[in-house]
PDB file of N, CA and C in Angstrom:
ATOM      1  N   MET A   1      76.544 156.553 103.736  1.00  0.00           N
ATOM      2  CA  MET A   1      76.392 158.161 105.034  1.00  0.00           C
ATOM      3  C   MET A   1      76.230 159.349 104.357  1.00  0.00           C
ATOM      4  N   THR A   2      77.218 158.936 103.610  1.00  0.00           N
ATOM      5  CA  THR A   2      77.582 161.128 103.130  1.00  0.00           C
ATOM      6  C   THR A   2      76.338 161.307 103.065  1.00  0.00           C
ATOM      7  N   GLY A   3      76.849 162.501 103.187  1.00  0.00           N
ATOM      8  CA  GLY A   3      74.978 163.336 102.203  1.00  0.00           C
ATOM      9  C   GLY A   3      74.308 163.622 104.153  1.00  0.00           C
ATOM     10  N   MET A   4      74.922 163.271 105.238  1.00  0.00           N
ATOM     11  CA  MET A   4      73.847 163.256 106.465  1.00  0.00           C
ATOM     12  C   MET A   4      74.668 164.178 107.057  1.00  0.00           C
ATOM     13  N   THR A   5      74.108 164.979 107.454  1.00  0.00           N
ATOM     14  CA  THR A   5      73.672 166.045 108.587  1.00  0.00           C
ATOM     15  C   THR A   5      74.410 165.786 110.002  1.00  0.00           C
ATOM     16  N   SER A   6      74.423 166.886 110.581  1.00  0.00           N
ATOM     17  CA  SER A   6      75.082 166.557 111.507  1.00  0.00           C
ATOM     18  C   SER A   6      74.561 166.648 112.774  1.00  0.00           C
ATOM     19  N   GLU A   7      73.240 167.127 112.519  1.00  0.00           N
ATOM     20  CA  GLU A   7      72.158 166.588 113.922  1.00  0.00           C
ATOM     21  C   GLU A   7      71.379 164.812 112.949  1.00  0.00           C
ATOM     22  N   GLU A   8      71.982 164.399 111.969  1.00  0.00           N
ATOM     23  CA  GLU A   8      71.248 162.742 111.396  1.00  0.00           C
ATOM     24  C   GLU A   8      72.485 162.450 112.127  1.00  0.00           C
ATOM     25  N   ALA A   9      73.297 162.765 112.373  1.00  0.00           N
ATOM     26  CA  ALA A   9      74.751 161.456 112.529  1.00  0.00           C
ATOM     27  C   ALA A   9      74.842 162.054 113.922  1.00  0.00           C
ATOM     28  N   LEU A  10      73.723 162.942 115.033  1.00  0.00           N
ATOM     29  CA  LEU A  10      74.554 162.727 115.950  1.00  0.00           C
ATOM     30  C   LEU A  10      73.277 162.297 117.186  1.00  0.00           C
ATOM     31  N   SER A  11      71.850 161.968 116.064  1.00  0.00           N
ATOM     32  CA  SER A  11      70.977 161.006 115.957  1.00  0.00           C
ATOM     33  C   SER A  11      71.630 159.680 116.751  1.00  0.00           C
ATOM     34  N   ARG A  12      71.788 159.551 115.505  1.00  0.00           N
ATOM     35  CA  ARG A  12      72.326 158.037 115.228  1.00  0.00           C
ATOM     36  C   ARG A  12      73.545 157.218 115.772  1.00  0.00           C
ATOM     37  N   LEU A  13      74.146 158.460 116.113  1.00  0.00           N
ATOM     38  CA  LEU A  13      75.527 158.489 117.451  1.00  0.00           C
ATOM     39  C   LEU A  13      74.574 158.139 118.593  1.00  0.00           C
ATOM     40  N   LYS A  14      74.005 158.802 119.165  1.00  0.00           N
ATOM     41  CA  LYS A  14      73.231 158.358 120.276  1.00  0.00           C
ATOM     42  C   LYS A  14      72.484 157.631 120.088  1.00  0.00           C
ATOM     43  N   HIS A  15      71.895 156.580 119.203  1.00  0.00           N
ATOM     44  CA  HIS A  15      71.288 155.067 118.951  1.00  0.00           C
ATOM     45  C   HIS A  15      72.209 154.494 118.903  1.00  0.00           C
ATOM     46  N   PHE A  16      73.599 154.558 118.698  1.00  0.00           N
ATOM     47  CA  PHE A  16      74.087 153.429 118.294  1.00  0.00           C
ATOM     48  C   PHE A  16      75.336 153.422 120.186  1.00  0.00           C
ATOM     49  N   ARG A  17      74.876 154.476 120.163  1.00  0.00           N
ATOM     50  CA  ARG A  17      75.450 154.144 122.448  1.00  0.00           C
ATOM     51  C   ARG A  17      74.565 153.707 123.133  1.00  0.00           C
ATOM     52  N   ALA A  18      73.563 154.158 122.976  1.00  0.00           N
ATOM     53  CA  ALA A  18      72.607 153.768 123.677  1.00  0.00           C
ATOM     54  C   ALA A  18      72.111 152.110 123.443  1.00  0.00           C
ATOM     55  N   SER A  19      72.442 151.042 122.381  1.00  0.00           N
ATOM     56  CA  SER A  19      72.598 150.583 122.358  1.00  0.00           C
ATOM     57  C   SER A  19      73.769 149.583 122.450  1.00  0.00           C
ATOM     58  N   ILE A  20      75.222 150.102 122.328  1.00  0.00           N
ATOM     59  CA  ILE A  20      76.129 149.671 123.451  1.00  0.00           C
ATOM     60  C   ILE A  20      75.854 149.597 125.206  1.00  0.00           C
ATOM     61  N   ASP A  21      75.514 150.253 125.560  1.00  0.00           N
ATOM     62  CA  ASP A  21      75.199 150.374 127.000  1.00  0.00           C
ATOM     63  C   ASP A  21      74.289 149.771 126.969  1.00  0.00           C
ATOM     64  N   ASN A  22      73.694 149.528 126.593  1.00  0.00           N
ATOM     65  CA  ASN A  22      72.713 148.267 126.933  1.00  0.00           C
ATOM     66  C   ASN A  22      73.035 146.655 127.041  1.00  0.00           C
ATOM     67  N   LEU A  23      74.234 146.925 125.677  1.00  0.00           N
ATOM     68  CA  LEU A  23      74.826 145.492 125.915  1.00  0.00           C
ATOM     69  C   LEU A  23      76.118 145.533 126.650  1.00  0.00           C
ATOM     70  N   ASP A  24      76.407 146.652 127.343  1.00  0.00           N
ATOM     71  CA  ASP A  24      77.571 146.187 128.160  1.00  0.00           C
ATOM     72  C   ASP A  24      77.044 146.280 129.189  1.00  0.00           C
ATOM     73  N   ALA A  25      75.697 146.521 129.404  1.00  0.00           N
ATOM     74  CA  ALA A  25      75.116 146.150 130.429  1.00  0.00           C
ATOM     75  C   ALA A  25      74.457 144.247 131.235  1.00  0.00           C
ATOM     76  N   ALA A  26      74.296 143.880 129.294  1.00  0.00           N
ATOM     77  CA  ALA A  26      74.298 142.782 129.732  1.00  0.00           C
ATOM     78  C   ALA A  26      74.844 141.862 129.524  1.00  0.00           C
ATOM     79  N   LEU A  27      76.091 142.353 129.610  1.00  0.00           N
ATOM     80  CA  LEU A  27      77.906 141.609 129.292  1.00  0.00           C
ATOM     81  C   LEU A  27      78.038 141.641 131.164  1.00  0.00           C
ATOM     82  N   ILE A  28      77.798 142.568 131.729  1.00  0.00           N
ATOM     83  CA  ILE A  28      78.021 142.165 133.246  1.00  0.00           C
ATOM     84  C   ILE A  28      77.208 141.537 134.105  1.00  0.00           C
ATOM     85  N   HIS A  29      75.822 141.690 134.011  1.00  0.00           N
ATOM     86  CA  HIS A  29      74.557 140.430 134.048  1.00  0.00           C
ATOM     87  C   HIS A  29      74.989 138.876 133.661  1.00  0.00           C
ATOM     88  N   ILE A  30      75.823 138.682 132.560  1.00  0.00           N
ATOM     89  CA  ILE A  30      76.165 137.689 132.184  1.00  0.00           C
ATOM     90  C   ILE A  30      77.617 137.505 132.680  1.00  0.00           C
ATOM     91  N   LEU A  31      78.063 138.076 133.170  1.00  0.00           N
ATOM     92  CA  LEU A  31      79.558 137.807 133.749  1.00  0.00           C
ATOM     93  C   LEU A  31      79.025 137.040 134.900  1.00  0.00           C
ATOM     94  N   ALA A  32      77.667 138.167 135.629  1.00  0.00           N
ATOM     95  CA  ALA A  32      78.380 138.013 137.477  1.00  0.00           C
ATOM     96  C   ALA A  32      77.415 136.727 137.086  1.00  0.00           C
ATOM     97  N   GLU A  33      76.481 136.933 136.371  1.00  0.00           N
ATOM     98  CA  GLU A  33      75.564 134.488 136.233  1.00  0.00           C
ATOM     99  C   GLU A  33      76.332 133.908 136.870  1.00  0.00           C
ATOM    100  N   ARG A  34      77.393 134.216 135.674  1.00  0.00           N
ATOM    101  CA  ARG A  34      78.473 133.462 135.003  1.00  0.00           C
ATOM    102  C   ARG A  34      79.389 132.724 137.040  1.00  0.00           C
ATOM    103  N   PHE A  35      80.330 134.106 137.084  1.00  0.00           N
ATOM    104  CA  PHE A  35      80.433 133.852 138.688  1.00  0.00           C
ATOM    105  C   PHE A  35      79.822 133.302 139.608  1.00  0.00           C
ATOM    106  N   ARG A  36      78.649 134.018 139.416  1.00  0.00           N
ATOM    107  CA  ARG A  36      77.641 132.756 140.244  1.00  0.00           C
ATOM    108  C   ARG A  36      78.086 131.511 140.559  1.00  0.00           C
ATOM    109  N   ILE A  37      77.741 131.213 138.851  1.00  0.00           N
ATOM    110  CA  ILE A  37      77.801 129.764 139.095  1.00  0.00           C
ATOM    111  C   ILE A  37      79.527 128.979 138.928  1.00  0.00           C
ATOM    112  N   THR A  38      80.746 129.689 139.143  1.00  0.00           N
ATOM    113  CA  THR A  38      81.854 129.330 139.111  1.00  0.00           C
ATOM    114  C   THR A  38      82.034 128.858 140.352  1.00  0.00           C
ATOM    115  N   LYS A  39      81.282 130.053 141.197  1.00  0.00           N
ATOM    116  CA  LYS A  39      81.822 130.297 142.539  1.00  0.00           C
ATOM    117  C   LYS A  39      81.184 128.758 143.506  1.00  0.00           C
ATOM    118  N   SER A  40      80.242 127.979 142.872  1.00  0.00           N
ATOM    119  CA  SER A  40      79.559 126.770 143.560  1.00  0.00           C
ATOM    120  C   SER A  40      80.441 126.033 143.164  1.00  0.00           C
ATOM    121  N   VAL A  41      80.367 125.976 141.594  1.00  0.00           N
ATOM    122  CA  VAL A  41      82.021 124.589 141.216  1.00  0.00           C
ATOM    123  C   VAL A  41      82.992 125.107 142.418  1.00  0.00           C
ATOM    124  N   GLY A  42      83.330 126.351 142.110  1.00  0.00           N
ATOM    125  CA  GLY A  42      84.712 126.415 143.231  1.00  0.00           C
ATOM    126  C   GLY A  42      84.106 125.784 144.695  1.00  0.00           C
ATOM    127  N   GLU A  43      83.106 125.779 145.038  1.00  0.00           N
ATOM    128  CA  GLU A  43      82.900 125.449 146.638  1.00  0.00           C
ATOM    129  C   GLU A  43      82.936 124.287 147.170  1.00  0.00           C
ATOM    130  N   LEU A  44      82.529 123.537 145.275  1.00  0.00           N
ATOM    131  CA  LEU A  44      81.977 122.124 145.081  1.00  0.00           C
ATOM    132  C   LEU A  44      83.431 121.309 145.264  1.00  0.00           C
ATOM    133  N   LYS A  45      84.887 122.056 144.585  1.00  0.00           N
ATOM    134  CA  LYS A  45      85.690 121.194 143.956  1.00  0.00           C
ATOM    135  C   LYS A  45      86.915 121.030 145.276  1.00  0.00           C
ATOM    136  N   ALA A  46      86.431 121.883 146.283  1.00  0.00           N
ATOM    137  CA  ALA A  46      87.005 122.736 147.170  1.00  0.00           C
ATOM    138  C   ALA A  46      86.229 121.512 147.655  1.00  0.00           C
ATOM    139  N   GLY A  47      85.295 121.441 148.413  1.00  0.00           N
ATOM    140  CA  GLY A  47      84.517 119.888 149.543  1.00  0.00           C
ATOM    141  C   GLY A  47      85.018 118.765 149.044  1.00  0.00           C
ATOM    142  N   ALA A  48      85.177 118.318 148.169  1.00  0.00           N
ATOM    143  CA  ALA A  48      85.640 117.246 147.130  1.00  0.00           C
ATOM    144  C   ALA A  48      87.208 117.008 147.081  1.00  0.00           C
ATOM    145  N   ASP A  49      87.879 118.204 147.387  1.00  0.00           N
ATOM    146  CA  ASP A  49      89.516 118.389 147.422  1.00  0.00           C
ATOM    147  C   ASP A  49      89.894 117.670 146.036  1.00  0.00           C
ATOM    148  N   LEU A  50      89.425 118.592 145.176  1.00  0.00           N
ATOM    149  CA  LEU A  50      89.149 118.345 143.507  1.00  0.00           C
ATOM    150  C   LEU A  50      90.214 119.554 143.452  1.00  0.00           C
ATOM    151  N   PRO A  51      91.265 119.814 142.539  1.00  0.00           N
ATOM    152  CA  PRO A  51      91.735 120.740 141.769  1.00  0.00           C
ATOM    153  C   PRO A  51      91.058 121.953 141.447  1.00  0.00           C
ATOM    154  N   PRO A  52      91.949 123.464 141.662  1.00  0.00           N
ATOM    155  CA  PRO A  52      90.914 124.031 141.761  1.00  0.00           C
ATOM    156  C   PRO A  52      91.306 124.674 139.866  1.00  0.00           C
ATOM    157  N   ALA A  53      91.585 123.981 138.874  1.00  0.00           N
ATOM    158  CA  ALA A  53      92.265 124.329 137.477  1.00  0.00           C
ATOM    159  C   ALA A  53      91.338 122.589 136.961  1.00  0.00           C
ATOM    160  N   ASP A  54      91.174 122.823 135.951  1.00  0.00           N
ATOM    161  CA  ASP A  54      91.373 121.932 135.443  1.00  0.00           C
ATOM    162  C   ASP A  54      91.820 121.925 133.293  1.00  0.00           C
ATOM    163  N   PRO A  55      93.200 122.196 134.016  1.00  0.00           N
ATOM    164  CA  PRO A  55      94.380 122.612 132.173  1.00  0.00           C
ATOM    165  C   PRO A  55      93.574 122.115 130.698  1.00  0.00           C
ATOM    166  N   ALA A  56      92.969 120.316 130.742  1.00  0.00           N
ATOM    167  CA  ALA A  56      92.024 119.649 129.572  1.00  0.00           C
ATOM    168  C   ALA A  56      90.941 120.505 129.119  1.00  0.00           C
ATOM    169  N   ARG A  57      90.220 120.879 130.379  1.00  0.00           N
ATOM    170  CA  ARG A  57      88.365 121.773 130.003  1.00  0.00           C
ATOM    171  C   ARG A  57      89.317 122.891 129.462  1.00  0.00           C
ATOM    172  N   GLU A  58      89.955 123.922 130.088  1.00  0.00           N
ATOM    173  CA  GLU A  58      90.233 124.985 129.949  1.00  0.00           C
ATOM    174  C   GLU A  58      90.146 124.629 128.472  1.00  0.00           C
ATOM    175  N   LYS A  59      91.738 124.587 127.779  1.00  0.00           N
ATOM    176  CA  LYS A  59      92.150 123.918 126.990  1.00  0.00           C
ATOM    177  C   LYS A  59      91.045 123.822 125.331  1.00  0.00           C
ATOM    178  N   ARG A  60      90.082 122.999 126.155  1.00  0.00           N
ATOM    179  CA  ARG A  60      88.316 122.395 125.360  1.00  0.00           C
ATOM    180  C   ARG A  60      87.859 123.529 125.302  1.00  0.00           C
ATOM    181  N   GLN A  61      87.933 124.723 125.539  1.00  0.00           N
ATOM    182  CA  GLN A  61      86.663 125.858 126.549  1.00  0.00           C
ATOM    183  C   GLN A  61      87.454 126.859 125.540  1.00  0.00           C
ATOM    184  N   VAL A  62      89.339 127.235 125.196  1.00  0.00           N
ATOM    185  CA  VAL A  62      89.394 128.068 124.335  1.00  0.00           C
ATOM    186  C   VAL A  62      89.232 127.292 122.864  1.00  0.00           C
ATOM    187  N   GLU A  63      89.814 126.293 122.867  1.00  0.00           N
ATOM    188  CA  GLU A  63      89.141 125.775 121.241  1.00  0.00           C
ATOM    189  C   GLU A  63      87.686 126.251 120.465  1.00  0.00           C
ATOM    190  N   ARG A  64      87.126 125.745 122.460  1.00  0.00           N
ATOM    191  CA  ARG A  64      85.275 125.668 121.109  1.00  0.00           C
ATOM    192  C   ARG A  64      85.045 127.359 121.276  1.00  0.00           C
ATOM    193  N   LEU A  65      85.811 128.429 122.426  1.00  0.00           N
ATOM    194  CA  LEU A  65      85.357 129.790 122.241  1.00  0.00           C
ATOM    195  C   LEU A  65      86.143 130.114 120.607  1.00  0.00           C
ATOM    196  N   ARG A  66      86.999 130.228 120.225  1.00  0.00           N
ATOM    197  CA  ARG A  66      87.814 130.992 119.383  1.00  0.00           C
ATOM    198  C   ARG A  66      87.016 129.825 117.823  1.00  0.00           C
ATOM    199  N   LYS A  67      85.836 129.299 117.995  1.00  0.00           N
ATOM    200  CA  LYS A  67      85.558 128.737 116.458  1.00  0.00           C
ATOM    201  C   LYS A  67      84.012 129.393 116.717  1.00  0.00           C
ATOM    202  N   LEU A  68      83.816 129.245 117.988  1.00  0.00           N
ATOM    203  CA  LEU A  68      82.597 130.578 118.189  1.00  0.00           C
ATOM    204  C   LEU A  68      82.835 131.847 117.446  1.00  0.00           C
ATOM    205  N   ALA A  69      84.144 132.531 118.485  1.00  0.00           N
ATOM    206  CA  ALA A  69      84.523 133.567 117.664  1.00  0.00           C
ATOM    207  C   ALA A  69      84.884 133.371 116.098  1.00  0.00           C
ATOM    208  N   LEU A  70      84.849 132.656 115.663  1.00  0.00           N
ATOM    209  CA  LEU A  70      85.323 132.827 114.419  1.00  0.00           C
ATOM    210  C   LEU A  70      83.859 132.570 113.933  1.00  0.00           C
ATOM    211  N   ASP A  71      82.898 131.959 114.383  1.00  0.00           N
ATOM    212  CA  ASP A  71      81.650 131.535 112.996  1.00  0.00           C
ATOM    213  C   ASP A  71      80.167 133.453 113.685  1.00  0.00           C
ATOM    214  N   ALA A  72      81.214 133.958 114.280  1.00  0.00           N
ATOM    215  CA  ALA A  72      81.103 135.263 115.486  1.00  0.00           C
ATOM    216  C   ALA A  72      80.918 136.477 114.491  1.00  0.00           C
ATOM    217  N   ASP A  73      82.431 136.133 113.069  1.00  0.00           N
ATOM    218  CA  ASP A  73      83.077 137.404 113.145  1.00  0.00           C
ATOM    219  C   ASP A  73      83.712 138.714 114.247  1.00  0.00           C
ATOM    220  N   LEU A  74      84.150 137.721 114.727  1.00  0.00           N
ATOM    221  CA  LEU A  74      84.537 138.396 116.018  1.00  0.00           C
ATOM    222  C   LEU A  74      85.845 138.281 116.017  1.00  0.00           C
ATOM    223  N   ASP A  75      87.376 138.711 116.763  1.00  0.00           N
ATOM    224  CA  ASP A  75      88.944 137.808 116.650  1.00  0.00           C
ATOM    225  C   ASP A  75      89.094 136.898 117.522  1.00  0.00           C
ATOM    226  N   PRO A  76      89.459 135.634 117.004  1.00  0.00           N
ATOM    227  CA  PRO A  76      89.586 134.620 118.066  1.00  0.00           C
ATOM    228  C   PRO A  76      90.388 135.228 119.025  1.00  0.00           C
ATOM    229  N   ASP A  77      91.636 135.675 118.565  1.00  0.00           N
ATOM    230  CA  ASP A  77      92.747 135.940 119.557  1.00  0.00           C
ATOM    231  C   ASP A  77      91.860 136.719 120.645  1.00  0.00           C
ATOM    232  N   PHE A  78      91.210 137.777 120.633  1.00  0.00           N
ATOM    233  CA  PHE A  78      91.075 138.507 121.488  1.00  0.00           C
ATOM    234  C   PHE A  78      89.277 137.515 122.139  1.00  0.00           C
ATOM    235  N   ALA A  79      88.456 136.753 121.769  1.00  0.00           N
ATOM    236  CA  ALA A  79      88.089 136.064 122.339  1.00  0.00           C
ATOM    237  C   ALA A  79      89.112 134.941 123.331  1.00  0.00           C
ATOM    238  N   GLU A  80      90.211 134.494 123.211  1.00  0.00           N
ATOM    239  CA  GLU A  80      90.291 133.664 123.730  1.00  0.00           C
ATOM    240  C   GLU A  80      91.508 134.329 124.513  1.00  0.00           C
ATOM    241  N   LYS A  81      91.687 135.552 124.806  1.00  0.00           N
ATOM    242  CA  LYS A  81      92.482 136.911 125.268  1.00  0.00           C
ATOM    243  C   LYS A  81      91.865 136.262 126.647  1.00  0.00           C
ATOM    244  N   LEU A  82      89.694 137.252 125.935  1.00  0.00           N
ATOM    245  CA  LEU A  82      89.325 137.284 127.365  1.00  0.00           C
ATOM    246  C   LEU A  82      88.613 136.345 128.321  1.00  0.00           C
ATOM    247  N   LEU A  83      88.886 135.082 127.575  1.00  0.00           N
ATOM    248  CA  LEU A  83      88.537 133.867 128.407  1.00  0.00           C
ATOM    249  C   LEU A  83      89.677 133.598 129.181  1.00  0.00           C
ATOM    250  N   ASN A  84      90.806 133.990 129.047  1.00  0.00           N
ATOM    251  CA  ASN A  84      91.879 133.032 129.305  1.00  0.00           C
ATOM    252  C   ASN A  84      91.729 134.512 130.964  1.00  0.00           C
ATOM    253  N   PHE A  85      91.311 135.415 130.582  1.00  0.00           N
ATOM    254  CA  PHE A  85      91.362 136.340 131.517  1.00  0.00           C
ATOM    255  C   PHE A  85      90.066 135.729 132.868  1.00  0.00           C
ATOM    256  N   ILE A  86      88.912 135.519 131.970  1.00  0.00           N
ATOM    257  CA  ILE A  86      88.131 134.992 133.142  1.00  0.00           C
ATOM    258  C   ILE A  86      88.643 133.559 133.365  1.00  0.00           C
ATOM    259  N   ILE A  87      88.802 132.602 132.976  1.00  0.00           N
ATOM    260  CA  ILE A  87      89.665 131.763 133.646  1.00  0.00           C
ATOM    261  C   ILE A  87      90.925 131.758 134.578  1.00  0.00           C
ATOM    262  N   ARG A  88      91.722 132.990 134.401  1.00  0.00           N
ATOM    263  CA  ARG A  88      92.209 132.872 135.600  1.00  0.00           C
ATOM    264  C   ARG A  88      91.600 133.891 137.192  1.00  0.00           C
ATOM    265  N   GLU A  89      90.613 134.556 136.919  1.00  0.00           N
ATOM    266  CA  GLU A  89      89.443 134.777 138.355  1.00  0.00           C
ATOM    267  C   GLU A  89      88.808 133.929 138.921  1.00  0.00           C
ATOM    268  N   VAL A  90      88.553 133.070 137.669  1.00  0.00           N
ATOM    269  CA  VAL A  90      87.678 131.911 138.073  1.00  0.00           C
ATOM    270  C   VAL A  90      88.573 130.751 139.448  1.00  0.00           C
ATOM    271  N   ILE A  91      90.055 130.832 138.139  1.00  0.00           N
ATOM    272  CA  ILE A  91      90.791 129.588 139.359  1.00  0.00           C
ATOM    273  C   ILE A  91      91.736 130.597 140.886  1.00  0.00           C
ATOM    274  N   ARG A  92      91.283 131.494 140.427  1.00  0.00           N
ATOM    275  CA  ARG A  92      92.253 132.334 141.857  1.00  0.00           C
ATOM    276  C   ARG A  92      90.344 132.851 142.653  1.00  0.00           C
ATOM    277  N   HIS A  93      89.527 132.378 142.215  1.00  0.00           N
ATOM    278  CA  HIS A  93      87.945 132.392 143.187  1.00  0.00           C
ATOM    279  C   HIS A  93      88.032 130.998 143.713  1.00  0.00           C
ATOM    280  N   HIS A  94      88.678 130.113 142.535  1.00  0.00           N
ATOM    281  CA  HIS A  94      88.821 129.184 143.429  1.00  0.00           C
ATOM    282  C   HIS A  94      89.519 128.075 145.212  1.00  0.00           C
ATOM    283  N   GLU A  95      90.864 129.126 143.853  1.00  0.00           N
ATOM    284  CA  GLU A  95      92.064 128.623 145.328  1.00  0.00           C
ATOM    285  C   GLU A  95      91.832 129.483 146.704  1.00  0.00           C
ATOM    286  N   GLN A  96      90.301 130.803 146.884  1.00  0.00           N
ATOM    287  CA  GLN A  96      90.517 131.040 147.480  1.00  0.00           C
ATOM    288  C   GLN A  96      89.282 130.326 148.293  1.00  0.00           C
ATOM    289  N   ALA A  97      88.269 129.710 148.109  1.00  0.00           N
ATOM    290  CA  ALA A  97      87.400 128.884 148.199  1.00  0.00           C
ATOM    291  C   ALA A  97      87.940 127.901 149.428  1.00  0.00           C
ATOM    292  N   ARG A  98      89.246 127.401 148.872  1.00  0.00           N
ATOM    293  CA  ARG A  98      90.127 126.513 149.862  1.00  0.00           C
ATOM    294  C   ARG A  98      90.892 126.907 151.273  1.00  0.00           C
ATOM    295  N   SER A  99      90.079 128.059 151.295  1.00  0.00           N
ATOM    296  CA  SER A  99      91.396 129.525 152.842  1.00  0.00           C
ATOM    297  C   SER A  99      90.271 129.150 153.498  1.00  0.00           C
TER     298      SER A  99
END
């Protein structure tokens, strides 16, 4: 990228930022869909008197996501932290479904 003019660099930066904005929007929509589904799961669990958390499944999911992250050249620790945050939110929602 050496030898690029400031104008060319700004043009490429604008392109990169537009791509990032599109990906951020996609992430939000995917998360929203995920939480719609997990809300249904929480309602089902509450109705069947099942526990809000499933530690064995959560462990399998973390292992699966870490492998996917490695395959995608993404830091598996970051992927695990993100998934754990999502899982905590899902469990919180499942507990609220019991109220």
